[in-house]
């Protein structure tokens, strides 16, 4: 029983406009993590952030290779044994991280000095 001076208040959370992280599909997050773990063991943890050759095209070229292999009917990457879609997600995540963090070299070809 509540004392007279205790009020039942509605909880408040100011989260309007914030990303709804619960919308991230768990299968996709685990798939991305599998490929990132494979890369960390093969190269080094966070190599894509700290290594030499932080050119953005390395990520989007790898992403496209995996995507086109998958489109062509190949489900699994022969080297890693992981799904090509796992690698697509990890490549996209690394590229996005570099772009958002303003690290690496923007090696895109830009038509008419596009920004």
PDB file of N, CA and C in Angstrom:
ATOM      1  N   UNK A   1       0.848  -1.178   0.000  1.00  0.00           N
ATOM      2  CA  UNK A   1       0.000   0.000   0.000  1.00  0.00           C
ATOM      3  C   UNK A   1       0.889   1.235   0.000  1.00  0.00           C
ATOM      4  N   UNK A   2       0.522   2.248  -0.803  1.00  0.00           N
ATOM      5  CA  UNK A   2       1.300   3.461  -0.913  1.00  0.00           C
ATOM      6  C   UNK A   2       0.936   4.433   0.199  1.00  0.00           C
ATOM      7  N   UNK A   3       1.935   5.112   0.706  1.00  0.00           N
ATOM      8  CA  UNK A   3       1.680   6.165   1.690  1.00  0.00           C
ATOM      9  C   UNK A   3       0.993   7.326   0.981  1.00  0.00           C
ATOM     10  N   UNK A   4       0.343   8.186   1.755  1.00  0.00           N
ATOM     11  CA  UNK A   4      -0.397   9.300   1.160  1.00  0.00           C
ATOM     12  C   UNK A   4       0.488  10.218   0.336  1.00  0.00           C
ATOM     13  N   UNK A   5       1.767  10.381   0.731  1.00  0.00           N
ATOM     14  CA  UNK A   5       2.633  11.322   0.012  1.00  0.00           C
ATOM     15  C   UNK A   5       3.324  10.675  -1.200  1.00  0.00           C
ATOM     16  N   UNK A   6       3.085   9.390  -1.416  1.00  0.00           N
ATOM     17  CA  UNK A   6       3.650   8.723  -2.586  1.00  0.00           C
ATOM     18  C   UNK A   6       2.642   8.771  -3.725  1.00  0.00           C
ATOM     19  N   UNK A   7       3.140   9.143  -4.900  1.00  0.00           N
ATOM     20  CA  UNK A   7       2.257   9.230  -6.049  1.00  0.00           C
ATOM     21  C   UNK A   7       2.686   8.195  -7.082  1.00  0.00           C
ATOM     22  N   UNK A   8       1.715   7.701  -7.768  1.00  0.00           N
ATOM     23  CA  UNK A   8       2.019   6.819  -8.877  1.00  0.00           C
ATOM     24  C   UNK A   8       2.295   7.711 -10.078  1.00  0.00           C
ATOM     25  N   UNK A   9       3.532   7.619 -10.561  1.00  0.00           N
ATOM     26  CA  UNK A   9       3.921   8.462 -11.684  1.00  0.00           C
ATOM     27  C   UNK A   9       4.146   7.593 -12.918  1.00  0.00           C
ATOM     28  N   UNK A  10       3.823   8.160 -14.039  1.00  0.00           N
ATOM     29  CA  UNK A  10       4.105   7.482 -15.297  1.00  0.00           C
ATOM     30  C   UNK A  10       5.598   7.625 -15.573  1.00  0.00           C
ATOM     31  N   UNK A  11       6.215   6.542 -15.978  1.00  0.00           N
ATOM     32  CA  UNK A  11       7.648   6.620 -16.268  1.00  0.00           C
ATOM     33  C   UNK A  11       7.848   7.441 -17.531  1.00  0.00           C
ATOM     34  N   UNK A  12       8.971   8.112 -17.579  1.00  0.00           N
ATOM     35  CA  UNK A  12       9.294   8.973 -18.713  1.00  0.00           C
ATOM     36  C   UNK A  12      10.632   8.555 -19.280  1.00  0.00           C
ATOM     37  N   UNK A  13      10.697   8.492 -20.580  1.00  0.00           N
ATOM     38  CA  UNK A  13      11.954   8.189 -21.273  1.00  0.00           C
ATOM     39  C   UNK A  13      11.964   9.036 -22.529  1.00  0.00           C
ATOM     40  N   UNK A  14      12.942   9.925 -22.633  1.00  0.00           N
ATOM     41  CA  UNK A  14      13.043  10.803 -23.786  1.00  0.00           C
ATOM     42  C   UNK A  14      13.880  10.131 -24.867  1.00  0.00           C
ATOM     43  N   UNK A  15      13.200   9.338 -25.691  1.00  0.00           N
ATOM     44  CA  UNK A  15      13.942   8.620 -26.726  1.00  0.00           C
ATOM     45  C   UNK A  15      13.387   8.872 -28.125  1.00  0.00           C
ATOM     46  N   UNK A  16      12.564   9.901 -28.261  1.00  0.00           N
ATOM     47  CA  UNK A  16      12.063  10.253 -29.586  1.00  0.00           C
ATOM     48  C   UNK A  16      13.238  10.635 -30.481  1.00  0.00           C
ATOM     49  N   UNK A  17      13.224  10.143 -31.692  1.00  0.00           N
ATOM     50  CA  UNK A  17      14.275  10.468 -32.640  1.00  0.00           C
ATOM     51  C   UNK A  17      15.533   9.635 -32.510  1.00  0.00           C
ATOM     52  N   UNK A  18      15.598   8.786 -31.494  1.00  0.00           N
ATOM     53  CA  UNK A  18      16.770   7.925 -31.315  1.00  0.00           C
ATOM     54  C   UNK A  18      16.563   6.635 -32.090  1.00  0.00           C
ATOM     55  N   UNK A  19      17.665   6.045 -32.571  1.00  0.00           N
ATOM     56  CA  UNK A  19      17.511   4.787 -33.319  1.00  0.00           C
ATOM     57  C   UNK A  19      16.886   3.701 -32.462  1.00  0.00           C
ATOM     58  N   UNK A  20      16.010   2.933 -33.065  1.00  0.00           N
ATOM     59  CA  UNK A  20      15.376   1.803 -32.382  1.00  0.00           C
ATOM     60  C   UNK A  20      16.262   0.577 -32.616  1.00  0.00           C
ATOM     61  N   UNK A  21      17.211   0.375 -31.720  1.00  0.00           N
ATOM     62  CA  UNK A  21      18.201  -0.686 -31.872  1.00  0.00           C
ATOM     63  C   UNK A  21      17.582  -2.073 -31.905  1.00  0.00           C
ATOM     64  N   UNK A  22      16.412  -2.204 -31.323  1.00  0.00           N
ATOM     65  CA  UNK A  22      15.728  -3.490 -31.334  1.00  0.00           C
ATOM     66  C   UNK A  22      15.263  -3.910 -32.717  1.00  0.00           C
ATOM     67  N   UNK A  23      15.311  -2.991 -33.685  1.00  0.00           N
ATOM     68  CA  UNK A  23      14.928  -3.330 -35.055  1.00  0.00           C
ATOM     69  C   UNK A  23      16.046  -4.053 -35.803  1.00  0.00           C
ATOM     70  N   UNK A  24      17.261  -4.041 -35.257  1.00  0.00           N
ATOM     71  CA  UNK A  24      18.373  -4.741 -35.908  1.00  0.00           C
ATOM     72  C   UNK A  24      18.103  -6.246 -35.843  1.00  0.00           C
ATOM     73  N   UNK A  25      18.045  -6.893 -37.002  1.00  0.00           N
ATOM     74  CA  UNK A  25      17.749  -8.327 -36.990  1.00  0.00           C
ATOM     75  C   UNK A  25      18.883  -9.108 -36.321  1.00  0.00           C
ATOM     76  N   UNK A  26      18.592  -9.849 -35.263  1.00  0.00           N
ATOM     77  CA  UNK A  26      19.641 -10.584 -34.552  1.00  0.00           C
ATOM     78  C   UNK A  26      20.441 -11.523 -35.450  1.00  0.00           C
ATOM     79  N   UNK A  27      19.787 -12.180 -36.401  1.00  0.00           N
ATOM     80  CA  UNK A  27      20.522 -13.084 -37.299  1.00  0.00           C
ATOM     81  C   UNK A  27      21.564 -12.312 -38.101  1.00  0.00           C
ATOM     82  N   UNK A  28      21.199 -11.126 -38.548  1.00  0.00           N
ATOM     83  CA  UNK A  28      22.133 -10.316 -39.334  1.00  0.00           C
ATOM     84  C   UNK A  28      23.286  -9.811 -38.469  1.00  0.00           C
ATOM     85  N   UNK A  29      22.991  -9.440 -37.236  1.00  0.00           N
ATOM     86  CA  UNK A  29      24.052  -8.965 -36.336  1.00  0.00           C
ATOM     87  C   UNK A  29      25.040 -10.102 -36.057  1.00  0.00           C
ATOM     88  N   UNK A  30      24.526 -11.301 -35.810  1.00  0.00           N
ATOM     89  CA  UNK A  30      25.415 -12.443 -35.578  1.00  0.00           C
ATOM     90  C   UNK A  30      26.202 -12.803 -36.839  1.00  0.00           C
ATOM     91  N   UNK A  31      25.565 -12.697 -37.996  1.00  0.00           N
ATOM     92  CA  UNK A  31      26.251 -12.973 -39.262  1.00  0.00           C
ATOM     93  C   UNK A  31      27.412 -12.006 -39.459  1.00  0.00           C
ATOM     94  N   UNK A  32      27.153 -10.730 -39.216  1.00  0.00           N
ATOM     95  CA  UNK A  32      28.197  -9.715 -39.331  1.00  0.00           C
ATOM     96  C   UNK A  32      29.323 -10.008 -38.339  1.00  0.00           C
ATOM     97  N   UNK A  33      28.970 -10.358 -37.117  1.00  0.00           N
ATOM     98  CA  UNK A  33      29.974 -10.640 -36.088  1.00  0.00           C
ATOM     99  C   UNK A  33      30.824 -11.861 -36.453  1.00  0.00           C
ATOM    100  N   UNK A  34      30.212 -12.866 -37.086  1.00  0.00           N
ATOM    101  CA  UNK A  34      30.987 -14.031 -37.522  1.00  0.00           C
ATOM    102  C   UNK A  34      32.081 -13.615 -38.507  1.00  0.00           C
ATOM    103  N   UNK A  35      31.716 -12.801 -39.486  1.00  0.00           N
ATOM    104  CA  UNK A  35      32.694 -12.375 -40.486  1.00  0.00           C
ATOM    105  C   UNK A  35      33.725 -11.422 -39.879  1.00  0.00           C
ATOM    106  N   UNK A  36      33.311 -10.553 -38.988  1.00  0.00           N
ATOM    107  CA  UNK A  36      34.270  -9.655 -38.328  1.00  0.00           C
ATOM    108  C   UNK A  36      35.246 -10.449 -37.464  1.00  0.00           C
ATOM    109  N   UNK A  37      34.764 -11.485 -36.803  1.00  0.00           N
ATOM    110  CA  UNK A  37      35.640 -12.345 -35.998  1.00  0.00           C
ATOM    111  C   UNK A  37      36.636 -13.069 -36.891  1.00  0.00           C
ATOM    112  N   UNK A  38      36.157 -13.581 -38.017  1.00  0.00           N
ATOM    113  CA  UNK A  38      37.058 -14.233 -38.968  1.00  0.00           C
ATOM    114  C   UNK A  38      38.153 -13.257 -39.406  1.00  0.00           C
ATOM    115  N   UNK A  39      37.780 -12.038 -39.741  1.00  0.00           N
ATOM    116  CA  UNK A  39      38.748 -11.025 -40.158  1.00  0.00           C
ATOM    117  C   UNK A  39      39.714 -10.651 -39.055  1.00  0.00           C
ATOM    118  N   UNK A  40      39.227 -10.575 -37.822  1.00  0.00           N
ATOM    119  CA  UNK A  40      40.103 -10.237 -36.697  1.00  0.00           C
ATOM    120  C   UNK A  40      41.155 -11.317 -36.481  1.00  0.00           C
ATOM    121  N   UNK A  41      40.762 -12.570 -36.678  1.00  0.00           N
ATOM    122  CA  UNK A  41      41.721 -13.665 -36.524  1.00  0.00           C
ATOM    123  C   UNK A  41      42.690 -13.730 -37.703  1.00  0.00           C
ATOM    124  N   UNK A  42      42.208 -13.416 -38.878  1.00  0.00           N
ATOM    125  CA  UNK A  42      43.041 -13.475 -40.082  1.00  0.00           C
ATOM    126  C   UNK A  42      44.026 -12.309 -40.152  1.00  0.00           C
ATOM    127  N   UNK A  43      43.555 -11.108 -39.834  1.00  0.00           N
ATOM    128  CA  UNK A  43      44.369  -9.909 -39.967  1.00  0.00           C
ATOM    129  C   UNK A  43      44.802  -9.387 -38.596  1.00  0.00           C
ATOM    130  N   UNK A  44      43.870  -8.826 -37.869  1.00  0.00           N
ATOM    131  CA  UNK A  44      44.086  -8.331 -36.515  1.00  0.00           C
ATOM    132  C   UNK A  44      42.799  -7.620 -36.105  1.00  0.00           C
ATOM    133  N   UNK A  45      42.549  -7.562 -34.830  1.00  0.00           N
ATOM    134  CA  UNK A  45      41.361  -6.873 -34.351  1.00  0.00           C
ATOM    135  C   UNK A  45      41.464  -5.394 -34.701  1.00  0.00           C
ATOM    136  N   UNK A  46      40.417  -4.865 -35.271  1.00  0.00           N
ATOM    137  CA  UNK A  46      40.338  -3.459 -35.692  1.00  0.00           C
ATOM    138  C   UNK A  46      41.386  -3.078 -36.730  1.00  0.00           C
ATOM    139  N   UNK A  47      41.904  -4.041 -37.457  1.00  0.00           N
ATOM    140  CA  UNK A  47      42.871  -3.761 -38.512  1.00  0.00           C
ATOM    141  C   UNK A  47      42.327  -2.739 -39.509  1.00  0.00           C
ATOM    142  N   UNK A  48      41.036  -2.817 -39.787  1.00  0.00           N
ATOM    143  CA  UNK A  48      40.448  -1.911 -40.771  1.00  0.00           C
ATOM    144  C   UNK A  48      40.440  -0.459 -40.282  1.00  0.00           C
ATOM    145  N   UNK A  49      40.661  -0.242 -38.986  1.00  0.00           N
ATOM    146  CA  UNK A  49      40.697   1.114 -38.431  1.00  0.00           C
ATOM    147  C   UNK A  49      42.122   1.634 -38.248  1.00  0.00           C
ATOM    148  N   UNK A  50      43.045   0.712 -38.070  1.00  0.00           N
ATOM    149  CA  UNK A  50      44.384   1.143 -37.668  1.00  0.00           C
ATOM    150  C   UNK A  50      45.482   0.707 -38.620  1.00  0.00           C
ATOM    151  N   UNK A  51      45.180  -0.192 -39.534  1.00  0.00           N
ATOM    152  CA  UNK A  51      46.202  -0.722 -40.418  1.00  0.00           C
ATOM    153  C   UNK A  51      46.578   0.228 -41.536  1.00  0.00           C
ATOM    154  N   UNK A  52      47.570  -0.161 -42.287  1.00  0.00           N
ATOM    155  CA  UNK A  52      47.999   0.605 -43.452  1.00  0.00           C
ATOM    156  C   UNK A  52      47.026   0.326 -44.588  1.00  0.00           C
ATOM    157  N   UNK A  53      46.802   1.317 -45.426  1.00  0.00           N
ATOM    158  CA  UNK A  53      45.926   1.123 -46.578  1.00  0.00           C
ATOM    159  C   UNK A  53      44.459   1.220 -46.233  1.00  0.00           C
ATOM    160  N   UNK A  54      44.094   2.267 -45.529  1.00  0.00           N
ATOM    161  CA  UNK A  54      42.708   2.433 -45.111  1.00  0.00           C
ATOM    162  C   UNK A  54      41.874   3.066 -46.228  1.00  0.00           C
ATOM    163  N   UNK A  55      41.995   2.520 -47.431  1.00  0.00           N
ATOM    164  CA  UNK A  55      41.248   3.031 -48.566  1.00  0.00           C
ATOM    165  C   UNK A  55      39.845   2.438 -48.565  1.00  0.00           C
ATOM    166  N   UNK A  56      38.867   3.303 -48.738  1.00  0.00           N
ATOM    167  CA  UNK A  56      37.479   2.858 -48.683  1.00  0.00           C
ATOM    168  C   UNK A  56      37.166   1.839 -49.761  1.00  0.00           C
ATOM    169  N   UNK A  57      37.821   1.940 -50.909  1.00  0.00           N
ATOM    170  CA  UNK A  57      37.493   1.020 -51.997  1.00  0.00           C
ATOM    171  C   UNK A  57      37.841  -0.431 -51.663  1.00  0.00           C
ATOM    172  N   UNK A  58      38.730  -0.643 -50.728  1.00  0.00           N
ATOM    173  CA  UNK A  58      39.047  -2.022 -50.331  1.00  0.00           C
ATOM    174  C   UNK A  58      37.808  -2.689 -49.747  1.00  0.00           C
ATOM    175  N   UNK A  59      37.023  -1.926 -48.988  1.00  0.00           N
ATOM    176  CA  UNK A  59      35.807  -2.478 -48.382  1.00  0.00           C
ATOM    177  C   UNK A  59      34.698  -2.637 -49.414  1.00  0.00           C
ATOM    178  N   UNK A  60      34.489  -1.610 -50.237  1.00  0.00           N
ATOM    179  CA  UNK A  60      33.379  -1.764 -51.168  1.00  0.00           C
ATOM    180  C   UNK A  60      33.702  -2.736 -52.294  1.00  0.00           C
ATOM    181  N   UNK A  61      34.960  -2.911 -52.640  1.00  0.00           N
ATOM    182  CA  UNK A  61      35.311  -3.938 -53.616  1.00  0.00           C
ATOM    183  C   UNK A  61      35.101  -5.343 -53.045  1.00  0.00           C
ATOM    184  N   UNK A  62      35.502  -5.562 -51.793  1.00  0.00           N
ATOM    185  CA  UNK A  62      35.277  -6.863 -51.151  1.00  0.00           C
ATOM    186  C   UNK A  62      33.775  -7.117 -50.997  1.00  0.00           C
ATOM    187  N   UNK A  63      33.033  -6.091 -50.609  1.00  0.00           N
ATOM    188  CA  UNK A  63      31.581  -6.218 -50.475  1.00  0.00           C
ATOM    189  C   UNK A  63      30.974  -6.665 -51.806  1.00  0.00           C
ATOM    190  N   UNK A  64      31.386  -6.010 -52.895  1.00  0.00           N
ATOM    191  CA  UNK A  64      30.832  -6.345 -54.203  1.00  0.00           C
ATOM    192  C   UNK A  64      31.246  -7.736 -54.662  1.00  0.00           C
ATOM    193  N   UNK A  65      32.482  -8.153 -54.384  1.00  0.00           N
ATOM    194  CA  UNK A  65      32.899  -9.506 -54.740  1.00  0.00           C
ATOM    195  C   UNK A  65      32.021 -10.548 -54.060  1.00  0.00           C
ATOM    196  N   UNK A  66      31.780 -10.350 -52.756  1.00  0.00           N
ATOM    197  CA  UNK A  66      30.937 -11.294 -52.015  1.00  0.00           C
ATOM    198  C   UNK A  66      29.491 -11.223 -52.496  1.00  0.00           C
ATOM    199  N   UNK A  67      29.002 -10.034 -52.750  1.00  0.00           N
ATOM    200  CA  UNK A  67      27.624  -9.894 -53.209  1.00  0.00           C
ATOM    201  C   UNK A  67      27.429 -10.543 -54.577  1.00  0.00           C
ATOM    202  N   UNK A  68      28.365 -10.303 -55.500  1.00  0.00           N
ATOM    203  CA  UNK A  68      28.234 -10.891 -56.832  1.00  0.00           C
ATOM    204  C   UNK A  68      28.401 -12.409 -56.794  1.00  0.00           C
ATOM    205  N   UNK A  69      29.255 -12.906 -55.918  1.00  0.00           N
ATOM    206  CA  UNK A  69      29.381 -14.367 -55.772  1.00  0.00           C
ATOM    207  C   UNK A  69      28.056 -14.943 -55.289  1.00  0.00           C
ATOM    208  N   UNK A  70      27.431 -14.272 -54.344  1.00  0.00           N
ATOM    209  CA  UNK A  70      26.149 -14.730 -53.822  1.00  0.00           C
ATOM    210  C   UNK A  70      25.059 -14.639 -54.894  1.00  0.00           C
ATOM    211  N   UNK A  71      25.020 -13.513 -55.623  1.00  0.00           N
ATOM    212  CA  UNK A  71      24.040 -13.349 -56.700  1.00  0.00           C
ATOM    213  C   UNK A  71      24.218 -14.449 -57.744  1.00  0.00           C
ATOM    214  N   UNK A  72      25.476 -14.838 -57.976  1.00  0.00           N
ATOM    215  CA  UNK A  72      25.763 -15.892 -58.940  1.00  0.00           C
ATOM    216  C   UNK A  72      25.450 -17.291 -58.451  1.00  0.00           C
ATOM    217  N   UNK A  73      24.948 -17.411 -57.240  1.00  0.00           N
ATOM    218  CA  UNK A  73      24.510 -18.706 -56.741  1.00  0.00           C
ATOM    219  C   UNK A  73      25.443 -19.372 -55.742  1.00  0.00           C
ATOM    220  N   UNK A  74      26.576 -18.745 -55.447  1.00  0.00           N
ATOM    221  CA  UNK A  74      27.504 -19.335 -54.474  1.00  0.00           C
ATOM    222  C   UNK A  74      27.103 -18.876 -53.079  1.00  0.00           C
ATOM    223  N   UNK A  75      26.724 -19.798 -52.246  1.00  0.00           N
ATOM    224  CA  UNK A  75      26.233 -19.469 -50.905  1.00  0.00           C
ATOM    225  C   UNK A  75      27.374 -19.175 -49.926  1.00  0.00           C
ATOM    226  N   UNK A  76      28.442 -19.984 -49.995  1.00  0.00           N
ATOM    227  CA  UNK A  76      29.511 -19.915 -49.003  1.00  0.00           C
ATOM    228  C   UNK A  76      30.831 -19.484 -49.633  1.00  0.00           C
ATOM    229  N   UNK A  77      31.561 -18.665 -48.914  1.00  0.00           N
ATOM    230  CA  UNK A  77      32.897 -18.250 -49.327  1.00  0.00           C
ATOM    231  C   UNK A  77      33.836 -19.446 -49.169  1.00  0.00           C
ATOM    232  N   UNK A  78      34.552 -19.837 -50.236  1.00  0.00           N
ATOM    233  CA  UNK A  78      35.398 -21.028 -50.140  1.00  0.00           C
ATOM    234  C   UNK A  78      36.560 -20.882 -49.155  1.00  0.00           C
ATOM    235  N   UNK A  79      37.038 -19.674 -48.925  1.00  0.00           N
ATOM    236  CA  UNK A  79      38.165 -19.482 -48.010  1.00  0.00           C
ATOM    237  C   UNK A  79      37.737 -19.572 -46.549  1.00  0.00           C
ATOM    238  N   UNK A  80      36.710 -18.819 -46.192  1.00  0.00           N
ATOM    239  CA  UNK A  80      36.310 -18.741 -44.780  1.00  0.00           C
ATOM    240  C   UNK A  80      35.293 -19.804 -44.387  1.00  0.00           C
ATOM    241  N   UNK A  81      34.530 -20.282 -45.353  1.00  0.00           N
ATOM    242  CA  UNK A  81      33.442 -21.204 -45.047  1.00  0.00           C
ATOM    243  C   UNK A  81      32.193 -20.495 -44.554  1.00  0.00           C
ATOM    244  N   UNK A  82      32.258 -19.187 -44.447  1.00  0.00           N
ATOM    245  CA  UNK A  82      31.100 -18.403 -44.011  1.00  0.00           C
ATOM    246  C   UNK A  82      30.239 -18.049 -45.212  1.00  0.00           C
ATOM    247  N   UNK A  83      29.012 -17.672 -44.934  1.00  0.00           N
ATOM    248  CA  UNK A  83      28.132 -17.226 -46.012  1.00  0.00           C
ATOM    249  C   UNK A  83      28.672 -15.924 -46.615  1.00  0.00           C
ATOM    250  N   UNK A  84      28.505 -15.795 -47.916  1.00  0.00           N
ATOM    251  CA  UNK A  84      28.894 -14.537 -48.560  1.00  0.00           C
ATOM    252  C   UNK A  84      28.123 -13.360 -47.967  1.00  0.00           C
ATOM    253  N   UNK A  85      26.881 -13.601 -47.580  1.00  0.00           N
ATOM    254  CA  UNK A  85      26.088 -12.511 -47.001  1.00  0.00           C
ATOM    255  C   UNK A  85      26.661 -12.060 -45.655  1.00  0.00           C
ATOM    256  N   UNK A  86      27.312 -12.955 -44.916  1.00  0.00           N
ATOM    257  CA  UNK A  86      28.008 -12.555 -43.680  1.00  0.00           C
ATOM    258  C   UNK A  86      29.087 -11.528 -44.012  1.00  0.00           C
ATOM    259  N   UNK A  87      29.845 -11.828 -45.064  1.00  0.00           N
ATOM    260  CA  UNK A  87      30.931 -10.935 -45.465  1.00  0.00           C
ATOM    261  C   UNK A  87      30.393  -9.611 -46.013  1.00  0.00           C
ATOM    262  N   UNK A  88      29.280  -9.658 -46.736  1.00  0.00           N
ATOM    263  CA  UNK A  88      28.677  -8.423 -47.243  1.00  0.00           C
ATOM    264  C   UNK A  88      28.344  -7.494 -46.083  1.00  0.00           C
ATOM    265  N   UNK A  89      27.722  -8.056 -45.049  1.00  0.00           N
ATOM    266  CA  UNK A  89      27.357  -7.246 -43.883  1.00  0.00           C
ATOM    267  C   UNK A  89      28.587  -6.676 -43.186  1.00  0.00           C
ATOM    268  N   UNK A  90      29.618  -7.477 -43.017  1.00  0.00           N
ATOM    269  CA  UNK A  90      30.805  -6.982 -42.308  1.00  0.00           C
ATOM    270  C   UNK A  90      31.522  -5.920 -43.137  1.00  0.00           C
ATOM    271  N   UNK A  91      31.591  -6.098 -44.438  1.00  0.00           N
ATOM    272  CA  UNK A  91      32.225  -5.087 -45.292  1.00  0.00           C
ATOM    273  C   UNK A  91      31.464  -3.767 -45.231  1.00  0.00           C
ATOM    274  N   UNK A  92      30.133  -3.859 -45.278  1.00  0.00           N
ATOM    275  CA  UNK A  92      29.312  -2.653 -45.187  1.00  0.00           C
ATOM    276  C   UNK A  92      29.489  -1.968 -43.837  1.00  0.00           C
ATOM    277  N   UNK A  93      29.588  -2.752 -42.771  1.00  0.00           N
ATOM    278  CA  UNK A  93      29.768  -2.182 -41.431  1.00  0.00           C
ATOM    279  C   UNK A  93      31.119  -1.490 -41.307  1.00  0.00           C
ATOM    280  N   UNK A  94      32.172  -2.120 -41.829  1.00  0.00           N
ATOM    281  CA  UNK A  94      33.502  -1.505 -41.745  1.00  0.00           C
ATOM    282  C   UNK A  94      33.562  -0.226 -42.568  1.00  0.00           C
ATOM    283  N   UNK A  95      32.978  -0.251 -43.757  1.00  0.00           N
ATOM    284  CA  UNK A  95      32.957   0.939 -44.598  1.00  0.00           C
ATOM    285  C   UNK A  95      32.174   2.053 -43.922  1.00  0.00           C
ATOM    286  N   UNK A  96      31.026   1.727 -43.398  1.00  0.00           N
ATOM    287  CA  UNK A  96      30.207   2.720 -42.705  1.00  0.00           C
ATOM    288  C   UNK A  96      30.946   3.290 -41.494  1.00  0.00           C
ATOM    289  N   UNK A  97      31.629   2.430 -40.750  1.00  0.00           N
ATOM    290  CA  UNK A  97      32.395   2.887 -39.586  1.00  0.00           C
ATOM    291  C   UNK A  97      33.493   3.856 -40.002  1.00  0.00           C
ATOM    292  N   UNK A  98      34.192   3.544 -41.083  1.00  0.00           N
ATOM    293  CA  UNK A  98      35.249   4.446 -41.550  1.00  0.00           C
ATOM    294  C   UNK A  98      34.664   5.779 -42.004  1.00  0.00           C
ATOM    295  N   UNK A  99      33.565   5.732 -42.749  1.00  0.00           N
ATOM    296  CA  UNK A  99      32.946   6.966 -43.230  1.00  0.00           C
ATOM    297  C   UNK A  99      32.466   7.812 -42.055  1.00  0.00           C
ATOM    298  N   UNK A 100      31.724   7.199 -41.139  1.00  0.00           N
ATOM    299  CA  UNK A 100      31.176   7.932 -39.990  1.00  0.00           C
ATOM    300  C   UNK A 100      32.273   8.454 -39.059  1.00  0.00           C
ATOM    301  N   UNK A 101      33.363   7.683 -38.927  1.00  0.00           N
ATOM    302  CA  UNK A 101      34.468   8.070 -38.037  1.00  0.00           C
ATOM    303  C   UNK A 101      35.470   8.995 -38.716  1.00  0.00           C
ATOM    304  N   UNK A 102      35.261   9.224 -40.018  1.00  0.00           N
ATOM    305  CA  UNK A 102      36.163  10.081 -40.798  1.00  0.00           C
ATOM    306  C   UNK A 102      37.602   9.573 -40.753  1.00  0.00           C
ATOM    307  N   UNK A 103      37.748   8.249 -40.948  1.00  0.00           N
ATOM    308  CA  UNK A 103      39.086   7.671 -41.029  1.00  0.00           C
ATOM    309  C   UNK A 103      39.236   6.984 -42.377  1.00  0.00           C
ATOM    310  N   UNK A 104      40.442   6.829 -42.812  1.00  0.00           N
ATOM    311  CA  UNK A 104      40.698   6.194 -44.090  1.00  0.00           C
ATOM    312  C   UNK A 104      40.657   7.200 -45.219  1.00  0.00           C
ATOM    313  N   UNK A 105      40.843   6.687 -46.406  1.00  0.00           N
ATOM    314  CA  UNK A 105      40.928   7.522 -47.594  1.00  0.00           C
ATOM    315  C   UNK A 105      39.715   7.301 -48.475  1.00  0.00           C
ATOM    316  N   UNK A 106      39.040   8.398 -48.789  1.00  0.00           N
ATOM    317  CA  UNK A 106      37.892   8.337 -49.685  1.00  0.00           C
ATOM    318  C   UNK A 106      38.426   8.139 -51.095  1.00  0.00           C
ATOM    319  N   UNK A 107      38.383   6.915 -51.571  1.00  0.00           N
ATOM    320  CA  UNK A 107      38.969   6.576 -52.866  1.00  0.00           C
ATOM    321  C   UNK A 107      37.910   6.398 -53.949  1.00  0.00           C
ATOM    322  N   UNK A 108      36.718   6.914 -53.693  1.00  0.00           N
ATOM    323  CA  UNK A 108      35.676   6.824 -54.712  1.00  0.00           C
ATOM    324  C   UNK A 108      36.022   7.729 -55.892  1.00  0.00           C
ATOM    325  N   UNK A 109      35.637   7.309 -57.085  1.00  0.00           N
ATOM    326  CA  UNK A 109      35.721   8.186 -58.249  1.00  0.00           C
ATOM    327  C   UNK A 109      34.508   9.093 -58.210  1.00  0.00           C
ATOM    328  N   UNK A 110      34.733  10.369 -58.295  1.00  0.00           N
ATOM    329  CA  UNK A 110      33.615  11.323 -58.221  1.00  0.00           C
ATOM    330  C   UNK A 110      33.472  12.053 -59.538  1.00  0.00           C
ATOM    331  N   UNK A 111      32.272  11.951 -60.106  1.00  0.00           N
ATOM    332  CA  UNK A 111      31.965  12.638 -61.347  1.00  0.00           C
ATOM    333  C   UNK A 111      31.758  14.119 -61.073  1.00  0.00           C
ATOM    334  N   UNK A 112      32.324  14.948 -61.950  1.00  0.00           N
ATOM    335  CA  UNK A 112      32.091  16.403 -61.885  1.00  0.00           C
ATOM    336  C   UNK A 112      32.324  16.975 -60.493  1.00  0.00           C
ATOM    337  N   UNK A 113      33.369  16.496 -59.820  1.00  0.00           N
ATOM    338  CA  UNK A 113      33.714  16.987 -58.488  1.00  0.00           C
ATOM    339  C   UNK A 113      32.556  16.879 -57.485  1.00  0.00           C
ATOM    340  N   UNK A 114      31.784  15.813 -57.586  1.00  0.00           N
ATOM    341  CA  UNK A 114      30.679  15.590 -56.651  1.00  0.00           C
ATOM    342  C   UNK A 114      31.197  15.498 -55.229  1.00  0.00           C
ATOM    343  N   UNK A 115      30.440  15.950 -54.295  1.00  0.00           N
ATOM    344  CA  UNK A 115      30.852  15.938 -52.893  1.00  0.00           C
ATOM    345  C   UNK A 115      30.086  14.901 -52.128  1.00  0.00           C
TER     346      UNK A 115
END
